[in-house]
Protein backbone atom coordinates (compact mmCIF):
# COMPACT_ATOMS: atom_id res chain seq x y z
CA MET A 1 59.63 74.23 34.77
CA THR A 2 59.84 70.58 35.84
CA PRO A 3 61.96 70.37 39.03
CA LEU A 4 65.41 68.88 38.51
CA LEU A 5 67.73 67.51 41.19
CA ASN A 6 71.04 69.25 40.68
CA ARG A 7 72.86 67.27 43.36
CA PRO A 8 72.71 63.52 43.99
CA THR A 9 72.13 64.10 47.69
CA ASP A 10 68.75 65.65 46.81
CA ALA A 11 67.54 62.10 46.23
CA ALA A 12 65.85 60.23 49.04
CA PRO A 13 68.67 58.49 50.96
CA ASP A 14 66.52 55.45 51.74
CA ALA A 15 65.51 54.93 48.11
CA PRO A 16 68.57 55.15 45.83
CA PRO A 17 67.81 55.21 42.09
CA GLN A 18 68.09 51.91 40.25
CA PHE A 19 69.64 51.05 36.88
CA PRO A 20 68.95 51.91 34.14
CA LEU A 21 69.51 55.50 35.27
CA ARG A 22 69.38 58.65 33.15
CA VAL A 23 71.63 61.59 34.08
CA ALA A 24 73.10 64.69 32.43
CA ALA A 25 76.17 66.89 32.74
CA VAL A 26 76.84 70.47 31.68
CA ASP A 27 80.47 71.58 31.37
CA VAL A 28 80.76 75.37 31.17
CA GLY A 29 84.30 75.81 29.90
CA SER A 30 86.34 78.75 28.67
CA ASN A 31 86.16 77.84 24.97
CA ALA A 32 82.78 76.07 24.77
CA ILE A 33 79.82 74.81 26.79
CA ARG A 34 79.22 71.07 26.54
CA PHE A 35 76.19 68.93 27.31
CA LEU A 36 76.14 65.17 27.75
CA ALA A 37 73.11 63.04 28.62
CA ALA A 38 73.41 59.29 29.10
CA GLU A 39 71.62 56.22 30.36
CA PHE A 40 73.70 54.08 32.73
CA THR A 41 73.17 50.34 32.94
CA SER A 42 75.95 49.88 35.54
CA PRO A 43 78.24 52.22 37.51
CA THR A 44 80.54 52.77 34.51
CA ALA A 45 78.66 51.47 31.45
CA TYR A 46 76.40 53.94 29.67
CA LYS A 47 74.75 54.79 26.37
CA VAL A 48 74.92 58.39 25.15
CA LEU A 49 71.44 59.87 24.67
CA ALA A 50 72.48 63.35 23.59
CA GLU A 51 75.74 65.24 23.22
CA THR A 52 76.02 68.88 22.22
CA ARG A 53 78.79 71.48 22.08
CA ALA A 54 77.81 75.16 22.08
CA PRO A 55 80.68 77.34 20.72
CA VAL A 56 80.42 79.97 23.45
CA ARG A 57 83.84 81.38 24.31
CA LEU A 58 83.32 82.63 27.87
CA GLY A 59 87.08 83.02 28.17
CA HIS A 60 87.05 85.84 25.62
CA GLU A 61 88.47 88.90 27.38
CA VAL A 62 88.26 87.29 30.85
CA PHE A 63 91.97 86.59 31.03
CA LEU A 64 92.76 90.20 30.08
CA SER A 65 89.96 92.25 31.67
CA GLY A 66 88.98 89.92 34.51
CA ARG A 67 85.31 90.05 33.52
CA LEU A 68 82.97 87.84 31.51
CA ASP A 69 81.84 89.52 28.29
CA ARG A 70 78.14 90.49 28.31
CA ALA A 71 77.46 88.94 24.92
CA ALA A 72 79.22 85.74 25.91
CA MET A 73 77.19 85.54 29.13
CA GLN A 74 73.95 85.96 27.18
CA ALA A 75 74.96 83.26 24.72
CA GLY A 76 75.92 81.01 27.64
CA VAL A 77 72.57 81.45 29.37
CA GLU A 78 70.73 80.71 26.12
CA ALA A 79 72.79 77.56 25.51
CA ILE A 80 72.21 76.24 29.03
CA THR A 81 68.50 77.02 28.76
CA GLY A 82 68.44 74.82 25.66
CA PHE A 83 70.21 72.04 27.57
CA ARG A 84 67.61 72.31 30.32
CA LYS A 85 64.86 71.79 27.74
CA ARG A 86 66.72 68.78 26.35
CA MET A 87 66.88 67.24 29.82
CA GLU A 88 63.14 67.64 30.23
CA ASP A 89 62.52 66.03 26.83
CA LEU A 90 64.66 63.04 27.87
CA GLY A 91 62.95 62.70 31.25
CA ILE A 92 66.16 63.46 33.15
CA VAL A 93 65.90 64.84 36.69
CA HIS A 94 69.44 64.22 37.98
CA TYR A 95 72.16 66.49 36.65
CA ARG A 96 75.29 68.38 37.62
CA ALA A 97 76.44 71.59 35.92
CA VAL A 98 80.01 72.77 36.51
CA ALA A 99 81.96 75.86 35.46
CA THR A 100 85.73 76.08 35.21
CA SER A 101 88.47 78.72 34.96
CA ALA A 102 86.72 81.50 33.00
CA THR A 103 83.83 81.71 35.46
CA ARG A 104 86.08 80.90 38.42
CA GLU A 105 88.48 83.76 37.74
CA SER A 106 86.07 86.45 36.56
CA ARG A 107 84.96 89.23 38.87
CA ASN A 108 81.38 88.91 37.60
CA GLY A 109 81.21 85.12 37.64
CA ASP A 110 78.66 85.25 40.47
CA GLU A 111 76.39 87.34 38.25
CA PHE A 112 76.59 84.71 35.50
CA VAL A 113 75.85 81.89 37.95
CA ALA A 114 72.83 83.83 39.26
CA ARG A 115 71.52 84.43 35.74
CA VAL A 116 71.84 80.75 34.87
CA ARG A 117 69.85 79.83 37.98
CA ARG A 118 67.21 82.49 37.38
CA GLU A 119 66.76 82.24 33.60
CA ALA A 120 67.68 78.62 32.84
CA GLY A 121 66.59 76.99 36.12
CA ILE A 122 70.01 75.33 36.43
CA ASP A 123 72.28 75.46 39.49
CA LEU A 124 75.78 76.06 38.16
CA GLU A 125 78.66 75.00 40.42
CA VAL A 126 82.02 76.75 40.03
CA ILE A 127 84.69 74.11 40.68
CA THR A 128 88.39 74.33 41.48
CA GLY A 129 91.18 73.12 39.23
CA THR A 130 91.77 70.24 41.63
CA GLU A 131 88.13 69.13 41.44
CA GLU A 132 88.35 69.41 37.65
CA ALA A 133 91.36 67.08 37.67
CA ARG A 134 89.56 64.61 39.95
CA LEU A 135 86.50 64.41 37.73
CA VAL A 136 88.63 63.89 34.62
CA TYR A 137 90.46 61.14 36.50
CA GLU A 138 87.11 59.44 37.25
CA ALA A 139 86.24 59.51 33.55
CA ILE A 140 89.59 58.02 32.55
CA ARG A 141 89.59 55.38 35.30
CA ALA A 142 86.26 54.09 33.99
CA GLN A 143 87.81 53.59 30.54
CA VAL A 144 91.53 52.86 31.00
CA PRO A 145 92.95 49.85 32.89
CA PHE A 146 95.66 51.42 35.07
CA ALA A 147 96.75 48.00 36.40
CA LYS A 148 99.44 48.52 39.06
CA LYS A 149 101.20 51.31 37.17
CA LYS A 150 101.34 55.06 37.69
CA TRP A 151 100.26 57.40 34.91
CA MET A 152 100.56 61.08 34.15
CA LEU A 153 97.32 62.82 33.16
CA VAL A 154 97.04 66.18 31.41
CA ASP A 155 93.69 67.88 30.83
CA LEU A 156 93.84 71.10 28.82
CA GLY A 157 90.98 73.56 28.71
CA GLY A 158 90.60 77.10 27.53
CA GLY A 159 91.77 78.69 30.76
CA SER A 160 93.90 76.12 32.57
CA VAL A 161 95.79 72.88 32.32
CA GLU A 162 95.60 70.25 35.06
CA VAL A 163 98.54 67.86 35.37
CA SER A 164 98.21 64.85 37.69
CA LEU A 165 100.06 61.70 38.67
CA VAL A 166 97.60 58.86 39.29
CA ASP A 167 97.20 55.13 39.77
CA ALA A 168 94.25 52.81 40.31
CA THR A 169 93.88 53.99 43.92
CA GLY A 170 93.49 57.69 43.11
CA ILE A 171 95.35 60.94 42.44
CA LEU A 172 98.83 60.94 43.99
CA TRP A 173 99.64 64.52 43.03
CA SER A 174 97.92 67.23 41.01
CA GLU A 175 98.46 70.85 40.01
CA SER A 176 96.41 73.34 38.02
CA HIS A 177 98.30 75.85 35.87
CA THR A 178 96.94 79.02 34.25
CA LEU A 179 98.08 77.97 30.77
CA GLY A 180 94.84 77.30 28.92
CA SER A 181 94.60 77.56 25.14
CA VAL A 182 92.21 80.53 25.07
CA ARG A 183 94.15 82.30 27.83
CA LEU A 184 97.41 81.96 25.87
CA LEU A 185 95.73 83.11 22.67
CA GLU A 186 94.21 86.15 24.39
CA GLU A 187 97.38 87.16 26.21
CA LEU A 188 99.54 86.82 23.10
CA SER A 189 96.97 88.15 20.63
CA GLY A 190 99.15 91.11 19.65
CA SER A 191 101.77 88.79 18.18
CA SER A 192 99.44 86.36 16.41
CA GLU A 193 100.10 87.85 12.97
CA ASP A 194 103.81 86.96 13.24
CA PRO A 195 103.85 83.14 13.58
CA GLY A 196 107.53 82.99 14.51
CA ARG A 197 107.23 85.57 17.29
CA PHE A 198 103.99 83.99 18.50
CA GLN A 199 105.66 80.60 18.83
CA ARG A 200 108.69 82.06 20.64
CA LEU A 201 106.45 83.86 23.14
CA LEU A 202 104.45 80.68 23.69
CA GLU A 203 107.63 78.77 24.46
CA GLU A 204 108.65 81.43 26.99
CA TYR A 205 105.22 81.32 28.65
CA MET A 206 105.29 77.54 28.92
CA ALA A 207 108.74 77.47 30.48
CA SER A 208 106.96 78.16 33.78
CA LEU A 209 105.10 74.83 33.53
CA ARG A 210 107.08 72.38 35.64
CA ILE A 211 106.53 69.13 37.49
CA PRO A 212 107.47 69.38 41.20
CA LEU A 213 110.25 67.18 42.53
CA ILE A 214 107.78 65.20 44.65
CA ALA A 215 106.05 63.95 41.49
CA LYS A 216 109.37 62.91 39.94
CA GLN A 217 109.82 60.28 42.63
CA TRP A 218 107.59 58.04 40.51
CA LYS A 219 108.28 57.18 36.88
CA PRO A 220 104.94 57.21 35.03
CA ALA A 221 104.07 54.37 32.70
CA GLY A 222 102.77 56.85 30.16
CA LEU A 223 100.91 60.08 29.49
CA ILE A 224 97.13 60.24 29.02
CA ALA A 225 95.70 63.47 27.58
CA THR A 226 92.15 64.81 27.46
CA GLY A 227 90.47 67.84 25.93
CA GLY A 228 88.98 68.78 22.60
CA ASN A 229 92.30 69.95 21.19
CA ILE A 230 94.15 66.68 21.71
CA GLU A 231 91.28 64.83 20.05
CA ALA A 232 91.47 67.22 17.09
CA LEU A 233 95.24 66.72 16.89
CA ALA A 234 94.79 62.93 16.96
CA LYS A 235 92.37 63.14 14.02
CA LEU A 236 94.77 65.38 12.08
CA LEU A 237 97.46 62.75 12.57
CA GLY A 238 95.27 59.91 11.30
CA ALA A 239 94.03 58.50 14.60
CA GLU A 240 90.32 58.35 15.38
CA PRO A 241 89.69 58.47 19.14
CA GLY A 242 86.20 57.79 20.42
CA ARG A 243 84.31 56.38 23.41
CA GLY A 244 85.71 52.94 24.10
CA ARG A 245 88.42 53.49 21.48
CA MET A 246 91.74 55.02 22.48
CA ALA A 247 94.20 56.64 20.10
CA ALA A 248 97.95 57.17 20.47
CA ILE A 249 100.03 60.11 19.23
CA GLN A 250 103.77 59.65 18.79
CA MET A 251 105.83 62.58 20.03
CA ASN A 252 107.68 62.96 16.73
CA ASP A 253 104.32 63.23 14.96
CA LEU A 254 103.10 65.82 17.47
CA ARG A 255 106.22 67.95 16.97
CA GLY A 256 105.68 67.75 13.23
CA ALA A 257 102.06 68.86 13.67
CA VAL A 258 103.15 71.84 15.78
CA ALA A 259 105.59 72.91 13.04
CA MET A 260 102.98 72.46 10.30
CA LEU A 261 100.18 74.26 12.14
CA SER A 262 102.49 77.14 13.04
CA ARG A 263 103.25 77.76 9.36
CA LEU A 264 99.58 77.93 8.39
CA SER A 265 97.38 80.95 8.88
CA TYR A 266 94.12 80.76 10.81
CA ARG A 267 92.14 80.74 7.54
CA GLN A 268 94.29 77.97 6.08
CA ARG A 269 93.72 75.81 9.15
CA VAL A 270 89.98 76.16 8.63
CA ASP A 271 89.89 75.80 4.83
CA GLN A 272 92.68 73.26 4.26
CA LEU A 273 92.50 71.16 7.43
CA GLY A 274 88.76 71.41 8.10
CA LEU A 275 89.16 72.64 11.67
CA ARG A 276 86.24 74.41 13.32
CA GLU A 277 86.69 78.17 13.51
CA ASP A 278 86.75 78.15 17.31
CA ARG A 279 89.37 75.39 17.23
CA ALA A 280 91.67 76.67 14.50
CA ASP A 281 92.97 79.62 16.53
CA VAL A 282 93.66 77.78 19.80
CA ILE A 283 95.10 74.53 18.47
CA VAL A 284 98.68 75.81 18.19
CA PRO A 285 99.03 76.91 21.82
CA ALA A 286 97.20 73.72 22.84
CA ALA A 287 99.56 71.47 20.88
CA MET A 288 102.58 73.22 22.40
CA VAL A 289 101.24 72.74 25.93
CA TYR A 290 100.75 69.01 25.30
CA GLU A 291 104.26 68.80 23.85
CA ARG A 292 105.69 70.58 26.90
CA VAL A 293 103.99 68.26 29.39
CA ALA A 294 105.01 65.17 27.40
CA SER A 295 108.62 66.34 27.43
CA LEU A 296 108.52 66.92 31.20
CA ALA A 297 107.02 63.46 31.71
CA GLY A 298 109.57 61.82 29.42
CA ALA A 299 106.77 60.29 27.34
CA ALA A 300 107.35 58.90 23.84
CA GLU A 301 103.64 58.94 23.04
CA ILE A 302 100.37 60.44 24.25
CA ILE A 303 97.31 58.24 24.79
CA VAL A 304 93.96 59.85 23.93
CA PRO A 305 90.90 58.11 25.47
CA ALA A 306 88.36 60.67 24.13
CA VAL A 307 86.65 61.28 27.47
CA GLY A 308 86.72 64.39 29.58
CA LEU A 309 85.23 66.46 32.34
CA LYS A 310 81.60 65.93 31.38
CA ASP A 311 82.06 62.13 31.35
CA GLY A 312 83.69 62.28 34.79
CA VAL A 313 80.80 64.35 36.11
CA LEU A 314 78.36 61.63 35.03
CA VAL A 315 80.37 58.69 36.41
CA ASP A 316 80.91 60.48 39.73
CA MET A 317 77.26 61.49 40.01
CA VAL A 318 75.96 57.98 39.31
CA ASP A 319 78.35 56.57 41.91
CA ASP A 320 76.96 59.05 44.45
CA LEU A 321 73.34 58.36 43.53
CA THR A 322 73.57 54.58 43.72
CA THR A 323 76.11 54.05 46.54
CA HIS A 324 75.92 57.27 48.52
CA GLN A 325 77.66 56.25 51.75
CA ALA A 326 80.43 54.38 49.94
CA HIS A 327 80.81 57.41 47.68
CA GLU A 328 81.14 59.70 50.71
CA ASP A 329 83.78 57.37 52.17
CA ARG A 330 85.75 57.50 48.92
CA LYS A 331 85.50 61.27 48.83
CA GLU A 332 86.86 61.49 52.36
CA ARG A 333 89.76 59.20 51.55
CA ALA A 334 90.60 61.22 48.45
CA ALA A 335 90.43 64.49 50.39
CA VAL A 336 92.63 63.17 53.19
CA GLU A 337 95.25 61.79 50.79
CA GLY A 338 95.17 65.06 48.83
CA ALA A 339 95.74 66.94 52.08
CA VAL A 340 98.66 64.65 52.90
CA ALA A 341 100.18 65.37 49.47
CA LEU A 342 99.87 69.09 50.21
CA GLY A 343 101.41 68.63 53.65
CA LEU A 344 104.40 66.80 52.17
CA ARG A 345 105.23 69.87 50.12
CA TYR A 346 105.60 71.78 53.38
CA LEU A 347 107.58 69.07 55.20
CA PHE A 348 104.88 68.46 57.82
CA ASP A 349 104.87 65.77 60.50
CA GLU A 350 102.86 63.14 58.63
CA LYS A 351 102.53 60.66 61.51
CA HIS A 352 101.18 63.33 63.85
CA ALA A 353 98.83 64.70 61.17
CA ARG A 354 97.38 61.29 60.32
CA HIS A 355 96.97 60.38 63.99
CA VAL A 356 95.15 63.61 64.83
CA ALA A 357 92.94 63.09 61.77
CA TRP A 358 92.11 59.56 62.98
CA LEU A 359 91.33 60.77 66.50
CA SER A 360 89.20 63.59 65.06
CA GLY A 361 87.17 61.04 63.14
CA LEU A 362 86.61 58.94 66.26
CA LEU A 363 85.39 61.94 68.23
CA PHE A 364 83.17 63.13 65.37
CA ASP A 365 81.48 59.72 65.09
CA GLN A 366 80.99 59.22 68.83
CA LEU A 367 79.61 62.72 69.38
CA ASP A 368 77.21 62.91 66.43
CA LYS A 369 74.23 63.63 68.70
CA VAL A 370 76.14 66.53 70.26
CA HIS A 371 77.44 68.35 67.16
CA ARG A 372 74.67 67.24 64.72
CA MET A 373 76.89 67.58 61.64
CA ASP A 374 77.13 65.23 58.66
CA ALA A 375 79.59 63.47 56.33
CA PRO A 376 80.82 66.59 54.46
CA ASP A 377 81.64 68.20 57.83
CA ARG A 378 83.56 65.09 58.89
CA ARG A 379 85.58 65.40 55.70
CA LEU A 380 86.40 69.04 56.49
CA LEU A 381 87.45 68.15 60.04
CA ARG A 382 89.82 65.42 58.92
CA VAL A 383 91.43 67.61 56.26
CA ALA A 384 91.87 70.40 58.84
CA ALA A 385 93.42 67.85 61.20
CA ILE A 386 95.89 66.76 58.51
CA LEU A 387 96.89 70.35 57.75
CA HIS A 388 96.60 72.11 61.12
CA ASP A 389 100.38 72.37 61.66
CA ILE A 390 101.36 73.05 58.04
CA GLY A 391 102.23 76.65 58.93
CA ILE A 392 105.29 75.47 60.87
CA PHE A 393 107.02 75.43 57.47
CA ILE A 394 107.05 79.24 57.71
CA GLY A 395 107.74 79.40 61.45
CA HIS A 396 106.56 77.84 64.70
CA LYS A 397 105.64 81.20 66.20
CA LYS A 398 102.06 81.99 65.15
CA HIS A 399 102.06 78.88 62.99
CA HIS A 400 98.28 78.62 63.30
CA LYS A 401 98.03 81.90 61.35
CA HIS A 402 100.53 80.67 58.79
CA SER A 403 98.41 77.52 58.40
CA LEU A 404 95.37 79.69 57.73
CA TYR A 405 97.18 81.48 54.91
CA ILE A 406 98.70 78.40 53.26
CA ILE A 407 95.45 76.43 53.32
CA SER A 408 93.34 79.34 52.07
CA GLN A 409 95.65 79.67 49.05
CA SER A 410 95.71 75.94 48.28
CA GLU A 411 93.42 73.29 46.82
CA VAL A 412 92.53 69.80 48.02
CA PRO A 413 90.59 67.20 46.01
CA GLU A 414 86.86 66.99 46.81
CA LEU A 415 86.77 70.41 48.49
CA THR A 416 85.38 73.62 47.02
CA ALA A 417 86.99 77.03 47.52
CA ARG A 418 84.36 77.77 50.19
CA GLU A 419 85.18 74.53 52.00
CA MET A 420 88.90 75.31 51.87
CA ASP A 421 88.15 78.61 53.63
CA ILE A 422 86.34 76.64 56.34
CA VAL A 423 89.26 74.22 56.69
CA ALA A 424 91.72 77.12 56.86
CA ASN A 425 89.79 78.72 59.71
CA VAL A 426 89.41 75.44 61.60
CA ALA A 427 93.18 74.99 61.42
CA ARG A 428 93.68 78.60 62.52
CA TYR A 429 91.79 77.94 65.77
CA HIS A 430 93.36 74.57 66.58
CA ARG A 431 95.87 76.11 68.95
CA LYS A 432 94.56 78.94 71.08
CA GLY A 433 92.34 81.96 70.95
CA THR A 434 88.78 82.20 69.73
CA PRO A 435 87.15 84.12 66.89
CA ALA A 436 87.16 87.88 67.44
CA ALA A 437 85.83 90.97 65.71
CA HIS A 438 89.22 91.72 64.11
CA HIS A 439 89.61 88.23 62.60
CA GLU A 440 88.72 89.13 59.02
CA ASP A 441 89.12 85.64 57.53
CA PHE A 442 86.61 84.24 60.02
CA ASN A 443 84.12 87.09 59.86
CA ARG A 444 83.85 87.09 56.09
CA LEU A 445 82.39 83.57 56.25
CA PRO A 446 78.59 83.16 56.18
CA SER A 447 77.06 82.70 59.64
CA ASP A 448 76.40 78.95 59.10
CA ASP A 449 80.03 78.40 58.16
CA ARG A 450 81.26 80.40 61.15
CA GLU A 451 79.24 78.11 63.42
CA ARG A 452 80.67 75.10 61.59
CA VAL A 453 84.24 76.38 62.10
CA VAL A 454 83.78 76.74 65.86
CA LYS A 455 82.28 73.26 66.23
CA LEU A 456 84.98 71.59 64.17
CA ALA A 457 87.79 73.53 65.85
CA SER A 458 86.43 72.39 69.24
CA LEU A 459 86.82 68.76 68.19
CA LEU A 460 90.20 69.36 66.56
CA ARG A 461 91.61 70.90 69.74
CA ILE A 462 90.75 67.79 71.73
CA ALA A 463 92.20 65.47 69.08
CA ASP A 464 95.39 67.55 68.87
CA ALA A 465 95.78 67.54 72.64
CA LEU A 466 95.62 63.73 72.59
CA ASP A 467 98.86 63.70 70.58
CA ARG A 468 100.57 66.50 72.47
CA GLU A 469 104.03 64.88 72.22
CA HIS A 470 103.64 63.79 68.58
CA VAL A 471 104.43 60.19 69.55
CA GLN A 472 100.96 58.66 69.09
CA ALA A 473 100.83 57.44 72.70
CA VAL A 474 97.02 57.57 72.77
CA THR A 475 95.81 54.52 70.87
CA GLY A 476 92.10 54.99 71.42
CA VAL A 477 89.48 57.25 72.97
CA THR A 478 85.90 56.68 74.07
CA ALA A 479 83.75 59.81 74.36
CA THR A 480 80.47 59.70 76.28
CA ALA A 481 78.28 62.79 76.51
CA GLY A 482 76.04 63.32 79.52
CA LYS A 483 73.74 66.20 80.41
CA SER A 484 76.53 68.48 81.58
CA LYS A 485 79.77 66.58 81.02
CA LEU A 486 81.77 64.92 78.30
CA ALA A 487 83.61 61.91 79.69
CA LEU A 488 86.73 60.78 77.86
CA GLU A 489 88.36 57.42 78.47
CA LEU A 490 91.83 57.11 77.00
CA GLU A 491 93.70 54.03 75.85
CA GLY A 492 97.44 54.05 75.38
CA GLU A 493 100.95 53.59 76.68
CA GLY A 494 101.93 54.86 80.15
CA ASP A 495 100.04 57.33 82.32
CA LEU A 496 99.48 59.85 79.48
CA LEU A 497 100.05 62.73 81.91
CA LEU A 498 101.09 65.24 79.25
CA GLU A 499 98.06 64.43 77.09
CA ARG A 500 95.75 64.83 80.11
CA TRP A 501 97.36 68.17 80.91
CA ALA A 502 96.98 69.33 77.29
CA LEU A 503 93.32 68.30 77.32
CA ARG A 504 92.60 70.41 80.38
CA ARG A 505 94.20 73.40 78.65
CA LYS A 506 92.49 73.00 75.27
CA ALA A 507 88.99 71.77 76.20
CA GLY A 508 87.61 75.23 76.94
CA LEU A 509 86.39 75.91 73.41
CA PHE A 510 84.45 72.61 73.40
CA THR A 511 82.84 73.51 76.73
CA ASP A 512 81.92 77.01 75.53
CA THR A 513 80.52 75.65 72.25
CA PHE A 514 78.53 72.65 73.47
CA GLY A 515 78.00 73.42 77.17
CA LEU A 516 79.71 70.22 78.28
CA GLU A 517 82.58 70.18 80.75
CA VAL A 518 85.32 67.81 79.55
CA GLU A 519 86.41 65.24 82.12
CA VAL A 520 89.08 62.56 81.56
CA ALA A 521 88.68 59.24 83.36
CA GLY A 522 91.29 58.95 86.13
CA ASP A 523 91.93 62.70 86.53
CA ARG A 524 89.83 63.06 89.66
CA ALA A 525 91.44 60.05 91.32
CA GLU A 526 94.91 61.43 90.61
CA GLY A 527 93.97 64.84 92.03
């Protein structure tokens, strides 16, 4: 097989690709597997070269049994193998393949990922609901002028629905709910022959879908919806969404469609309305989810831009390929702001968190020749710095352990589940103690990640000590590494005695990790 570059960072950093640029995306969803290949002439302008939808329902049985069906896995591997061949025919070497809730939640998802790599020659990345929302946002931002307004986004798939509040600067808040169309159909399959009972059960299920109070602080300008079902609903209602052409669905029309579709049988939806067979059964729960979100958002209409996850994958990948460092900077900003949004839910000290994150970044940059880590590690450090005290919401005593739990059960934009585990462990060791044999959360990490945790926690402890009183007295730090010592020169208000004392107490892990004794300018003279 011709070698393909599954990640943009595989490209030579000193020779970024030039436009026109051909790329491809594979979206392994719960109801179908989608392929999109395009040629970009600018960061957001592209011509579609190939677009295919394989009707492989990986979500079948997953949401009941917890396992991917063998036949569905085989069909998925065959479909992705065909997409690989299509990429080769089009001369495409840069691609990204992502899998969502069905693969993410299944106990044998790793087996499916391994088969795709072995048999199709494609590296399949299982992404979080938060990453899914971010990529959909990138697709929409490239098509919709947000201006200075805030918008609600809803992206419905087969296994989950992602609801976000966004503006032109990024995602302000986002949540992923286990209310996908296939999931609802599977879980309520026993009542599907009684339309009235099926609809009542759906309404009860969707009552759990809420918008947190923090998101209600902003009144959205409107609701933008993505997903195959909303596009099908728009067509049923006489609108024709397409790339570069948005449609709008009035809420009264959507409610009428829900009532009409609920009265029809599955066969009637196929024969009379012309719906695809793998769309006709899930469109009722999908329409009801969209109606629920629109009601919560107070929207009178739903805007349908006819783009989705696969489009976002392409736009994001091209941005990374052509402007890698700027892309990394944007990813870090999005991760930090996502971490802040998480912290606000737990009433954290935002000023302290942001200051420690800033100090952590300074130390990381100045000590690059000591720690020898890269941009993704810097992103993890700053997110851990933002969230290190989040466990105080549960209780100050052992709050580092509470932080570990909260972070490990949460999501932050730009970070994978594996990276969240790293962040959780870094936060766990920000305070005291070092990894031990009975620390299960640390020891289940791969050896490379365990080493990464210790290095990052060493830096975080120093940064946290520099804001010991949570008053941001230290306004700058210069770190200079020698052969046996790390010299720190502090800038700030007053004598900074408490910060110096905290540094002496918390610098041990850095010394043990890097073999450098930490010395603060002025300490020796005072002693």
